[in-house]
Amino acid sequence: MELTNVLSGLEGLKVKGSLEVEVNQIQSSSNKIKEGDMFVAIDGFEVDGHEYIQEAIAKGAKVIMAQVDKVTREMVKGLPEGVTFILAPDTRYAISICACNYYQNPSRKLKLIGVTGTKGKTTTTFMIKSLLEKQGFKVGLIGTICTYIGEENLGDNDRTTPEALELQELLSKMVKAKCEYAVMEVSSQSLKLGRVDGCNFEVGIFTNFSKDHISPKEHPSMEDYFESKVKLFKMCKYGYINSDDIYANKLPDLVPSCEFKTYGIDNPANLLAKDITVTNAYVDFKAKLGDKNQRVKTDIPGRFSVYNSLAAISVALKYGVSPENIQEALINVRVPGRSELVDNDKEITIMIDYAHSPESLESILTTVQEYTQGDVICVFGCGGDRDTRKTTNYGRNCRSKSRLYDYYFR
């Protein structure tokens, strides 16, 4: 693709060299550079891409994009002939727009649904995918566990929301595979770092909000964490929010350009769950599907499953999924590692779940105790390289809620 087309829509650029250059691929890692590529230097948490500009040129990069405040005059003067050098105000934003252009803006050819929130993103996206597929639509999914294009599983993911180049490539593959919808988890980090900039979201969902991801490598404060999530709805036409969450209720005033509807249990909402039953194997409840209240059941136990189901149903109703298909799809949906029940010959309720904060773990334990007779045995591990304070808090929460058998995996 010609460089002028790659840069379409970007403002405030300063260019040295020709714009009539064919770009082979766009890369942000000098290790991946091949002859004719464009290298975008990004100042990351641990590595500054500007330190690898000369390496990228030596490997054959014909276009270099750098951030204005990271480049010296001497660096520009020392560039070899035949290399186009571009200065951008913000290379994180710029690489997202360039990726959209390079892959011919695939999100504009899909109905793109983004799900954000502290908890429930993974389950909600799987539910939405199941509901839409039951109606006969072909759906792509991008999230914490894996990526799907229709029924094809592309494998495990490194992060909840991919970097911009990978994300646009995946959306492009979905378009080529004739997907009509794409549903994706949108993390606060991806919003803060501009990975989804340029995406054309039709629908956004805000599941809930609680303390999480506060660390030097993530968000400095709860305010920054929340403001990052708000960005999604500035890209959406329609939003569905949890009426029982005080932060979600701030969104209509903060983003008047987005048309919001609500779902909930305790407070008035456009889609309300009533007559809820929670067991150790399922939840069921009544909700208005079409013209009348109907019973809905899902084999994912826990009160939080009602909220996730309501969010998914809200989207399904918008896109014309029938009440019958909603009921059938929800009862059959399975989410790997999310309140996943394990069959066993001991007739013991064994559940695999995922919690990346003390609050999430406490929520799980509180929920299972509501329908458990006898002890709750919790086996958990703490991994990752982020907020090390979580390990201690995990143990405290477990001991306050259950009999604990804790195994620490370092």
Protein backbone atom coordinates (compact mmCIF):
# COMPACT_ATOMS: atom_id res chain seq x y z
CA MET A 1 0.00 0.00 0.00
CA GLU A 2 1.26 3.48 -0.84
CA LEU A 3 2.42 5.50 2.17
CA THR A 4 -0.02 8.34 1.47
CA ASN A 5 -2.91 5.89 1.91
CA VAL A 6 -1.39 4.40 5.07
CA LEU A 7 -1.25 7.88 6.62
CA SER A 8 -4.78 8.89 5.61
CA GLY A 9 -6.63 10.75 8.37
CA LEU A 10 -3.55 11.60 10.46
CA GLU A 11 -2.89 15.26 11.21
CA GLY A 12 0.10 17.21 12.48
CA LEU A 13 2.68 15.06 10.71
CA LYS A 14 6.11 16.31 9.65
CA VAL A 15 7.70 14.41 6.79
CA LYS A 16 11.22 14.20 5.41
CA GLY A 17 11.41 12.19 2.20
CA SER A 18 8.94 10.84 -0.33
CA LEU A 19 5.34 9.86 0.40
CA GLU A 20 5.16 7.92 -2.86
CA VAL A 21 6.61 4.83 -1.26
CA GLU A 22 5.09 1.34 -1.20
CA VAL A 23 4.82 -0.02 2.34
CA ASN A 24 5.23 -3.78 2.58
CA GLN A 25 4.19 -4.24 6.24
CA ILE A 26 3.84 -2.02 9.30
CA GLN A 27 5.83 -3.11 12.33
CA SER A 28 6.42 -1.79 15.85
CA SER A 29 9.13 -4.37 16.62
CA SER A 30 12.52 -4.02 14.94
CA ASN A 31 12.92 -7.81 15.19
CA LYS A 32 10.14 -8.28 12.65
CA ILE A 33 11.37 -5.74 10.09
CA LYS A 34 11.91 -6.90 6.51
CA GLU A 35 12.85 -5.06 3.35
CA GLY A 36 10.33 -2.35 2.46
CA ASP A 37 8.58 -2.26 5.85
CA MET A 38 7.44 0.73 7.88
CA PHE A 39 8.75 0.91 11.45
CA VAL A 40 6.71 2.82 14.04
CA ALA A 41 8.71 3.65 17.17
CA ILE A 42 6.66 3.49 20.36
CA ASP A 43 7.84 4.41 23.84
CA GLY A 44 6.65 1.43 25.91
CA PHE A 45 6.65 0.67 29.62
CA GLU A 46 9.92 -1.26 29.45
CA VAL A 47 11.36 -0.63 25.97
CA ASP A 48 11.57 2.57 23.93
CA GLY A 49 11.25 1.77 20.23
CA HIS A 50 13.13 4.96 19.32
CA GLU A 51 16.32 3.24 20.45
CA TYR A 52 15.88 0.70 17.66
CA ILE A 53 15.39 3.03 14.69
CA GLN A 54 18.89 2.43 13.29
CA GLU A 55 18.44 -1.33 13.66
CA ALA A 56 15.15 -1.15 11.75
CA ILE A 57 16.82 0.81 8.95
CA ALA A 58 19.68 -1.69 8.78
CA LYS A 59 17.13 -4.49 8.35
CA GLY A 60 15.48 -2.73 5.40
CA ALA A 61 12.82 -0.38 6.76
CA LYS A 62 12.06 2.30 4.15
CA VAL A 63 9.70 4.33 6.33
CA ILE A 64 10.30 5.37 9.94
CA MET A 65 7.66 7.00 12.12
CA ALA A 66 8.76 8.51 15.42
CA GLN A 67 7.21 10.68 18.12
CA VAL A 68 8.01 14.38 17.99
CA ASP A 69 9.18 14.68 21.59
CA LYS A 70 11.50 11.65 21.32
CA VAL A 71 13.64 12.71 18.34
CA THR A 72 16.66 15.01 18.07
CA ARG A 73 17.79 17.02 15.04
CA GLU A 74 20.98 15.01 14.87
CA MET A 75 18.94 11.81 14.55
CA VAL A 76 17.01 13.23 11.59
CA LYS A 77 20.14 14.58 9.87
CA GLY A 78 21.87 11.24 10.18
CA LEU A 79 19.21 9.30 8.26
CA PRO A 80 20.37 7.63 5.02
CA GLU A 81 18.99 8.57 1.62
CA GLY A 82 15.89 6.71 0.49
CA VAL A 83 14.35 6.46 3.97
CA THR A 84 11.19 8.48 4.60
CA PHE A 85 11.10 9.88 8.12
CA ILE A 86 7.81 10.92 9.73
CA LEU A 87 7.29 12.75 13.00
CA ALA A 88 3.90 12.24 14.69
CA PRO A 89 2.47 13.89 17.80
CA ASP A 90 1.51 10.46 19.23
CA THR A 91 2.81 7.27 17.65
CA ARG A 92 0.44 5.04 19.64
CA TYR A 93 -2.54 6.80 18.07
CA ALA A 94 -0.81 6.98 14.71
CA ILE A 95 -0.04 3.25 14.48
CA SER A 96 -3.70 2.44 15.21
CA ILE A 97 -4.91 4.67 12.39
CA CYS A 98 -2.21 3.37 10.05
CA ALA A 99 -3.25 -0.21 10.89
CA CYS A 100 -6.89 0.60 10.13
CA ASN A 101 -5.90 2.08 6.78
CA TYR A 102 -3.50 -0.73 5.88
CA TYR A 103 -6.17 -3.39 6.47
CA GLN A 104 -8.79 -1.23 4.71
CA ASN A 105 -10.81 -0.36 7.83
CA PRO A 106 -12.36 -3.79 8.48
CA SER A 107 -14.42 -2.61 11.46
CA ARG A 108 -16.54 -0.53 9.08
CA LYS A 109 -17.55 -3.74 7.31
CA LEU A 110 -18.66 -5.49 10.51
CA LYS A 111 -21.13 -4.82 13.27
CA LEU A 112 -18.50 -4.41 15.98
CA ILE A 113 -19.59 -4.96 19.59
CA GLY A 114 -17.24 -3.96 22.42
CA VAL A 115 -17.57 -5.17 26.02
CA THR A 116 -15.75 -3.38 28.83
CA GLY A 117 -15.97 -3.48 32.62
CA THR A 118 -14.02 -4.87 35.55
CA LYS A 119 -15.73 -8.27 35.57
CA GLY A 120 -17.88 -10.28 33.21
CA LYS A 121 -16.31 -9.32 29.88
CA THR A 122 -15.30 -12.82 28.81
CA THR A 123 -18.58 -14.53 29.70
CA THR A 124 -20.65 -11.75 28.15
CA THR A 125 -18.78 -11.93 24.83
CA PHE A 126 -19.20 -15.71 24.66
CA MET A 127 -22.91 -15.34 25.42
CA ILE A 128 -23.37 -12.70 22.70
CA LYS A 129 -21.56 -14.88 20.18
CA SER A 130 -23.77 -17.88 21.05
CA LEU A 131 -26.98 -15.86 20.83
CA LEU A 132 -26.14 -14.32 17.45
CA GLU A 133 -24.97 -17.64 16.02
CA LYS A 134 -28.18 -19.32 17.14
CA GLN A 135 -30.02 -16.81 14.96
CA GLY A 136 -27.86 -17.85 12.00
CA PHE A 137 -25.25 -15.06 11.94
CA LYS A 138 -21.53 -15.68 11.50
CA VAL A 139 -19.62 -14.13 14.39
CA GLY A 140 -16.00 -13.42 15.27
CA LEU A 141 -14.79 -13.13 18.87
CA ILE A 142 -11.64 -11.55 20.33
CA GLY A 143 -10.91 -11.80 24.05
CA THR A 144 -8.89 -12.96 27.02
CA ILE A 145 -9.17 -16.67 26.36
CA CYS A 146 -8.87 -16.93 22.58
CA THR A 147 -9.98 -15.64 19.19
CA TYR A 148 -12.70 -17.22 17.10
CA ILE A 149 -13.62 -16.67 13.47
CA GLY A 150 -16.96 -18.39 13.27
CA GLU A 151 -16.34 -21.87 14.67
CA GLU A 152 -12.57 -21.75 14.06
CA ASN A 153 -10.50 -21.25 17.21
CA LEU A 154 -7.27 -19.39 16.38
CA GLY A 155 -5.68 -20.28 19.73
CA ASP A 156 -4.78 -18.63 23.01
CA ASN A 157 -4.26 -14.88 23.30
CA ASP A 158 -1.45 -13.03 25.08
CA ARG A 159 -3.70 -10.20 26.24
CA THR A 160 -7.37 -9.30 26.46
CA THR A 161 -7.29 -6.81 23.57
CA PRO A 162 -4.52 -7.23 20.96
CA GLU A 163 -2.18 -4.48 19.86
CA ALA A 164 -3.51 -2.35 17.00
CA LEU A 165 -1.72 -4.14 14.15
CA GLU A 166 -2.80 -7.59 15.29
CA LEU A 167 -6.33 -6.40 16.05
CA GLN A 168 -6.89 -4.92 12.59
CA GLU A 169 -5.42 -8.02 10.95
CA LEU A 170 -7.85 -10.23 12.91
CA LEU A 171 -10.82 -8.04 12.00
CA SER A 172 -9.70 -8.16 8.36
CA LYS A 173 -9.64 -11.98 8.50
CA MET A 174 -13.18 -11.93 9.89
CA VAL A 175 -14.33 -9.79 6.99
CA LYS A 176 -12.69 -12.15 4.49
CA ALA A 177 -14.37 -15.10 6.25
CA LYS A 178 -17.73 -13.31 5.77
CA CYS A 179 -18.41 -12.68 9.44
CA GLU A 180 -21.29 -10.28 9.93
CA TYR A 181 -20.54 -9.48 13.57
CA ALA A 182 -17.43 -9.20 15.71
CA VAL A 183 -17.65 -9.12 19.49
CA MET A 184 -14.59 -8.27 21.54
CA GLU A 185 -13.43 -7.61 25.05
CA VAL A 186 -12.10 -4.06 25.30
CA SER A 187 -9.73 -3.64 28.23
CA SER A 188 -9.04 -0.36 29.96
CA GLN A 189 -5.38 -0.70 28.97
CA SER A 190 -6.26 -1.03 25.29
CA LEU A 191 -8.38 2.10 25.52
CA LYS A 192 -5.75 4.07 27.42
CA LEU A 193 -2.97 3.04 25.04
CA GLY A 194 -5.02 3.65 21.90
CA ARG A 195 -5.07 0.07 20.58
CA VAL A 196 -8.70 0.38 19.44
CA ASP A 197 -8.43 3.94 18.08
CA GLY A 198 -9.99 4.09 14.63
CA CYS A 199 -12.35 1.17 15.28
CA ASN A 200 -15.95 1.71 14.27
CA PHE A 201 -17.91 0.27 17.21
CA GLU A 202 -21.65 0.01 16.78
CA VAL A 203 -22.41 -1.23 20.31
CA GLY A 204 -20.63 -0.87 23.64
CA ILE A 205 -21.44 -2.68 26.90
CA PHE A 206 -20.36 -1.60 30.40
CA THR A 207 -20.70 -4.58 32.76
CA ASN A 208 -19.57 -3.12 36.11
CA PHE A 209 -16.75 -1.23 37.78
CA SER A 210 -14.66 -1.96 40.87
CA LYS A 211 -11.08 -1.52 42.06
CA ASP A 212 -8.60 -3.31 39.82
CA HIS A 213 -5.60 -2.72 37.56
CA ILE A 214 -4.13 0.00 39.80
CA SER A 215 -0.36 -0.38 39.47
CA PRO A 216 2.65 1.37 37.92
CA LYS A 217 2.24 -0.58 34.67
CA GLU A 218 -1.52 -0.05 34.42
CA HIS A 219 -3.56 2.80 35.93
CA PRO A 220 -2.31 5.28 38.56
CA SER A 221 -5.78 5.80 40.04
CA MET A 222 -9.42 4.69 39.94
CA GLU A 223 -10.23 7.93 38.09
CA ASP A 224 -7.78 7.08 35.32
CA TYR A 225 -9.13 3.52 35.19
CA PHE A 226 -12.73 4.71 34.80
CA GLU A 227 -11.91 7.49 32.32
CA SER A 228 -10.14 4.93 30.13
CA LYS A 229 -13.29 2.79 29.96
CA VAL A 230 -15.44 5.82 29.14
CA LYS A 231 -13.48 6.22 25.88
CA LEU A 232 -15.19 3.16 24.40
CA PHE A 233 -18.58 4.83 24.41
CA LYS A 234 -17.24 7.87 22.60
CA MET A 235 -16.67 5.45 19.69
CA CYS A 236 -20.12 3.80 19.88
CA LYS A 237 -23.56 4.53 18.49
CA TYR A 238 -25.35 2.50 21.15
CA GLY A 239 -24.50 1.58 24.72
CA TYR A 240 -25.93 -0.98 27.16
CA ILE A 241 -25.10 -0.41 30.81
CA ASN A 242 -25.73 -2.07 34.18
CA SER A 243 -28.30 0.06 36.01
CA ASP A 244 -27.16 -1.39 39.36
CA ASP A 245 -23.63 -0.02 38.96
CA ILE A 246 -23.14 3.59 40.10
CA TYR A 247 -20.25 4.20 37.69
CA ALA A 248 -22.16 2.85 34.71
CA ASN A 249 -24.99 5.26 35.48
CA LYS A 250 -22.63 8.20 34.95
CA LEU A 251 -22.11 7.34 31.29
CA PRO A 252 -25.23 8.92 29.71
CA ASP A 253 -24.20 12.34 31.07
CA LEU A 254 -20.54 11.87 30.19
CA VAL A 255 -21.17 10.65 26.62
CA PRO A 256 -24.36 12.29 25.28
CA SER A 257 -23.46 11.26 21.71
CA CYS A 258 -24.14 7.58 22.55
CA GLU A 259 -27.69 6.23 22.83
CA PHE A 260 -27.90 4.25 26.08
CA LYS A 261 -30.23 1.56 27.36
CA THR A 262 -30.03 -0.21 30.71
CA TYR A 263 -30.31 -3.69 32.16
CA GLY A 264 -30.37 -4.73 35.80
CA ILE A 265 -31.88 -6.51 38.77
CA ASP A 266 -32.38 -4.07 41.66
CA ASN A 267 -32.95 -0.74 39.93
CA PRO A 268 -35.36 0.26 37.13
CA ALA A 269 -34.01 -0.73 33.71
CA ASN A 270 -35.05 -1.24 30.12
CA LEU A 271 -34.39 -4.96 30.59
CA LEU A 272 -35.09 -6.19 34.11
CA ALA A 273 -34.54 -9.64 35.64
CA LYS A 274 -37.24 -10.88 38.04
CA ASP A 275 -38.02 -14.03 40.02
CA ILE A 276 -34.37 -15.16 40.10
CA THR A 277 -33.34 -18.68 41.11
CA VAL A 278 -29.70 -19.44 41.89
CA THR A 279 -28.41 -23.01 42.37
CA ASN A 280 -25.01 -24.67 42.31
CA ALA A 281 -25.57 -25.71 38.70
CA TYR A 282 -27.52 -22.89 37.03
CA VAL A 283 -29.46 -19.64 37.35
CA ASP A 284 -32.81 -18.83 35.87
CA PHE A 285 -34.96 -15.72 35.85
CA LYS A 286 -37.75 -13.94 34.05
CA ALA A 287 -37.08 -11.16 31.54
CA LYS A 288 -39.11 -9.42 28.88
CA LEU A 289 -38.35 -11.03 25.55
CA GLY A 290 -40.44 -9.45 22.88
CA ASP A 291 -43.95 -8.75 24.12
CA LYS A 292 -43.98 -10.82 27.30
CA ASN A 293 -41.93 -11.97 30.27
CA GLN A 294 -40.33 -15.33 29.68
CA ARG A 295 -38.15 -17.64 31.71
CA VAL A 296 -34.45 -17.74 30.86
CA LYS A 297 -31.93 -20.25 32.17
CA THR A 298 -28.16 -20.58 31.87
CA ASP A 299 -25.94 -23.33 33.22
CA ILE A 300 -23.41 -20.86 34.59
CA PRO A 301 -24.16 -20.48 38.31
CA GLY A 302 -24.00 -17.21 40.24
CA ARG A 303 -25.97 -13.99 40.47
CA PHE A 304 -23.39 -12.30 38.25
CA SER A 305 -24.49 -14.67 35.46
CA VAL A 306 -27.84 -12.92 35.49
CA TYR A 307 -26.14 -9.59 34.74
CA ASN A 308 -24.00 -11.12 31.99
CA SER A 309 -27.07 -12.78 30.49
CA LEU A 310 -29.02 -9.52 30.55
CA ALA A 311 -26.21 -7.69 28.75
CA ALA A 312 -26.07 -10.39 26.07
CA ILE A 313 -29.87 -10.49 25.73
CA SER A 314 -29.94 -6.69 25.27
CA VAL A 315 -27.65 -6.99 22.25
CA ALA A 316 -29.50 -10.04 20.92
CA LEU A 317 -32.84 -8.23 21.03
CA LYS A 318 -31.34 -5.25 19.19
CA TYR A 319 -30.27 -7.53 16.35
CA GLY A 320 -33.52 -9.43 16.11
CA VAL A 321 -32.67 -12.71 17.83
CA SER A 322 -35.93 -14.53 18.61
CA PRO A 323 -36.99 -15.29 22.22
CA GLU A 324 -36.80 -19.01 21.47
CA ASN A 325 -33.23 -18.75 20.19
CA ILE A 326 -32.24 -16.61 23.17
CA GLN A 327 -33.54 -19.24 25.59
CA GLU A 328 -31.92 -22.15 23.78
CA ALA A 329 -28.56 -20.46 23.23
CA LEU A 330 -28.16 -19.33 26.84
CA ILE A 331 -28.88 -22.72 28.32
CA ASN A 332 -26.19 -24.28 26.11
CA VAL A 333 -23.44 -21.63 26.34
CA ARG A 334 -20.14 -22.70 27.89
CA VAL A 335 -17.20 -20.45 28.71
CA PRO A 336 -13.83 -22.16 29.32
CA GLY A 337 -12.50 -21.28 32.76
CA ARG A 338 -15.40 -19.03 33.70
CA SER A 339 -17.69 -20.68 36.28
CA GLU A 340 -17.01 -23.85 34.32
CA LEU A 341 -18.52 -26.91 36.00
CA VAL A 342 -16.42 -30.09 35.92
CA ASP A 343 -18.16 -33.46 35.58
CA ASN A 344 -16.94 -36.05 38.09
CA ASP A 345 -18.05 -39.43 39.46
CA LYS A 346 -17.97 -38.16 43.08
CA GLU A 347 -20.99 -35.92 42.44
CA ILE A 348 -19.06 -33.01 43.94
CA THR A 349 -19.63 -29.53 42.55
CA ILE A 350 -16.26 -28.55 41.09
CA MET A 351 -15.98 -25.19 39.40
CA ILE A 352 -13.10 -23.61 37.51
CA ASP A 353 -13.14 -19.83 37.57
CA TYR A 354 -10.87 -16.86 37.06
CA ALA A 355 -10.32 -13.90 39.38
CA HIS A 356 -7.59 -11.31 38.86
CA SER A 357 -8.33 -9.20 41.91
CA PRO A 358 -9.20 -9.76 45.60
CA GLU A 359 -12.66 -8.30 44.93
CA SER A 360 -13.29 -10.81 42.14
CA LEU A 361 -12.25 -13.71 44.32
CA GLU A 362 -14.42 -12.48 47.16
CA SER A 363 -17.36 -12.18 44.77
CA ILE A 364 -16.91 -15.78 43.60
CA LEU A 365 -16.65 -17.15 47.14
CA THR A 366 -19.62 -15.12 48.36
CA THR A 367 -21.69 -16.36 45.45
CA VAL A 368 -20.90 -20.05 45.86
CA GLN A 369 -21.52 -19.94 49.62
CA GLU A 370 -25.06 -18.76 48.97
CA TYR A 371 -25.95 -22.13 47.49
CA THR A 372 -23.40 -24.46 49.15
CA GLN A 373 -24.09 -26.82 52.03
CA GLY A 374 -20.88 -27.56 53.92
CA ASP A 375 -17.39 -26.30 53.20
CA VAL A 376 -16.19 -24.26 50.25
CA ILE A 377 -12.65 -25.34 49.37
CA CYS A 378 -10.70 -22.77 47.39
CA VAL A 379 -7.50 -23.64 45.54
CA PHE A 380 -5.91 -20.67 43.86
CA GLY A 381 -2.69 -19.46 42.30
CA CYS A 382 -1.29 -15.99 41.68
CA GLY A 383 0.65 -15.30 38.52
CA GLY A 384 1.58 -12.37 36.33
CA ASP A 385 3.92 -9.48 36.98
CA ARG A 386 1.69 -6.61 37.98
CA ASP A 387 0.22 -5.71 41.35
CA THR A 388 2.09 -7.92 43.89
CA ARG A 389 -0.18 -6.73 46.72
CA LYS A 390 -2.97 -8.92 45.35
CA THR A 391 -1.43 -12.16 46.63
CA THR A 392 -1.78 -11.15 50.28
CA ASN A 393 -5.27 -9.78 49.78
CA TYR A 394 -6.35 -12.97 48.01
CA GLY A 395 -5.48 -15.00 51.08
CA ARG A 396 -7.30 -12.62 53.41
CA ASN A 397 -10.45 -12.73 51.34
CA CYS A 398 -10.39 -16.51 51.13
CA ARG A 399 -9.97 -16.94 54.86
CA SER A 400 -12.83 -14.59 55.53
CA LYS A 401 -15.16 -16.49 53.23
CA SER A 402 -14.26 -20.17 53.28
CA ARG A 403 -12.13 -23.02 54.48
CA LEU A 404 -8.95 -22.48 52.56
CA TYR A 405 -6.52 -24.85 50.91
CA ASP A 406 -4.21 -22.42 49.15
CA TYR A 407 -1.44 -23.33 46.78
CA TYR A 408 0.82 -20.51 45.66
CA PHE A 409 2.34 -20.85 42.23
CA ARG A 410 5.34 -18.58 41.92
